[in-house]
Amino acid sequence: MAKKKTTERREWTATDIHKLKGLAKKKAGVDKIARVLKRTVAATAVKASNLGVSLDTRG
């Protein structure tokens, strides 16, 4: 039987949050923000929601 891959959670640093807010303000989109932060789209969306940051890309 194959070994199950375990995921290691990384804490959100102040720098990560600052980048998230800055990119969201520029309306970068959740896909790009997640790639820059090296996190999943879901983790990025949840954190933005918890911070009250909108990831809406509409002008």
C-alpha atoms as a PDB file:
ATOM      1  CA  MET A   1       0.000   0.000   0.000  1.00  0.00           C
ATOM      2  CA  ALA A   2       1.306   3.459  -0.918  1.00  0.00           C
ATOM      3  CA  LYS A   3       2.170   5.931   1.788  1.00  0.00           C
ATOM      4  CA  LYS A   4      -0.315   8.711   2.259  1.00  0.00           C
ATOM      5  CA  LYS A   5       1.111  12.165   1.557  1.00  0.00           C
ATOM      6  CA  THR A   6       0.804  14.417   4.576  1.00  0.00           C
ATOM      7  CA  THR A   7       0.328  18.114   4.186  1.00  0.00           C
ATOM      8  CA  GLU A   8       2.267  20.534   6.292  1.00  0.00           C
ATOM      9  CA  ARG A   9       0.448  23.713   7.213  1.00  0.00           C
ATOM     10  CA  ARG A  10       2.305  26.988   7.052  1.00  0.00           C
ATOM     11  CA  GLU A  11       1.383  29.914   9.243  1.00  0.00           C
ATOM     12  CA  TRP A  12       0.323  33.155   7.576  1.00  0.00           C
ATOM     13  CA  THR A  13       3.059  35.727   8.179  1.00  0.00           C
ATOM     14  CA  ALA A  14       2.523  39.484   8.280  1.00  0.00           C
ATOM     15  CA  THR A  15       4.330  39.667   4.925  1.00  0.00           C
ATOM     16  CA  ASP A  16       1.938  37.137   3.385  1.00  0.00           C
ATOM     17  CA  ILE A  17      -1.066  39.118   4.594  1.00  0.00           C
ATOM     18  CA  HIS A  18       0.435  42.375   3.314  1.00  0.00           C
ATOM     19  CA  LYS A  19       1.004  40.834  -0.139  1.00  0.00           C
ATOM     20  CA  LEU A  20      -2.512  39.373  -0.155  1.00  0.00           C
ATOM     21  CA  LYS A  21      -4.091  42.743   0.615  1.00  0.00           C
ATOM     22  CA  GLY A  22      -1.907  44.571  -1.910  1.00  0.00           C
ATOM     23  CA  LEU A  23      -2.638  42.168  -4.756  1.00  0.00           C
ATOM     24  CA  ALA A  24      -6.345  42.123  -3.913  1.00  0.00           C
ATOM     25  CA  LYS A  25      -6.405  45.922  -4.077  1.00  0.00           C
ATOM     26  CA  LYS A  26      -4.857  45.704  -7.566  1.00  0.00           C
ATOM     27  CA  LYS A  27      -7.627  43.207  -8.486  1.00  0.00           C
ATOM     28  CA  ALA A  28      -5.072  40.518  -9.400  1.00  0.00           C
ATOM     29  CA  GLY A  29      -7.477  37.591  -8.978  1.00  0.00           C
ATOM     30  CA  VAL A  30      -7.350  34.680  -6.585  1.00  0.00           C
ATOM     31  CA  ASP A  31      -5.422  32.397  -8.968  1.00  0.00           C
ATOM     32  CA  LYS A  32      -2.525  34.820  -9.370  1.00  0.00           C
ATOM     33  CA  ILE A  33      -2.473  35.752  -5.681  1.00  0.00           C
ATOM     34  CA  ALA A  34      -2.342  32.071  -4.674  1.00  0.00           C
ATOM     35  CA  ARG A  35       0.534  31.443  -7.098  1.00  0.00           C
ATOM     36  CA  VAL A  36       2.531  34.416  -5.760  1.00  0.00           C
ATOM     37  CA  LEU A  37       2.000  33.316  -2.147  1.00  0.00           C
ATOM     38  CA  LYS A  38       2.695  29.635  -3.016  1.00  0.00           C
ATOM     39  CA  ARG A  39      -0.606  28.589  -1.459  1.00  0.00           C
ATOM     40  CA  THR A  40      -3.730  26.892  -2.708  1.00  0.00           C
ATOM     41  CA  VAL A  41      -6.601  28.890  -4.181  1.00  0.00           C
ATOM     42  CA  ALA A  42      -8.877  27.638  -1.399  1.00  0.00           C
ATOM     43  CA  ALA A  43      -6.484  28.645   1.392  1.00  0.00           C
ATOM     44  CA  THR A  44      -6.061  32.080  -0.160  1.00  0.00           C
ATOM     45  CA  ALA A  45      -9.806  32.596  -0.534  1.00  0.00           C
ATOM     46  CA  VAL A  46     -10.503  31.502   3.052  1.00  0.00           C
ATOM     47  CA  LYS A  47      -7.833  33.795   4.479  1.00  0.00           C
ATOM     48  CA  ALA A  48      -9.097  36.750   2.441  1.00  0.00           C
ATOM     49  CA  SER A  49     -12.622  36.074   3.660  1.00  0.00           C
ATOM     50  CA  ASN A  50     -11.466  35.907   7.281  1.00  0.00           C
ATOM     51  CA  LEU A  51      -9.658  39.236   6.842  1.00  0.00           C
ATOM     52  CA  GLY A  52     -12.653  40.810   5.123  1.00  0.00           C
ATOM     53  CA  VAL A  53     -10.713  41.342   1.900  1.00  0.00           C
ATOM     54  CA  SER A  54     -12.614  41.153  -1.371  1.00  0.00           C
ATOM     55  CA  LEU A  55     -11.035  39.134  -4.183  1.00  0.00           C
ATOM     56  CA  ASP A  56     -13.545  40.431  -6.736  1.00  0.00           C
ATOM     57  CA  THR A  57     -11.789  41.317 -10.015  1.00  0.00           C
ATOM     58  CA  ARG A  58     -14.591  43.407 -11.470  1.00  0.00           C
ATOM     59  CA  GLY A  59     -13.728  47.070 -11.975  1.00  0.00           C
END
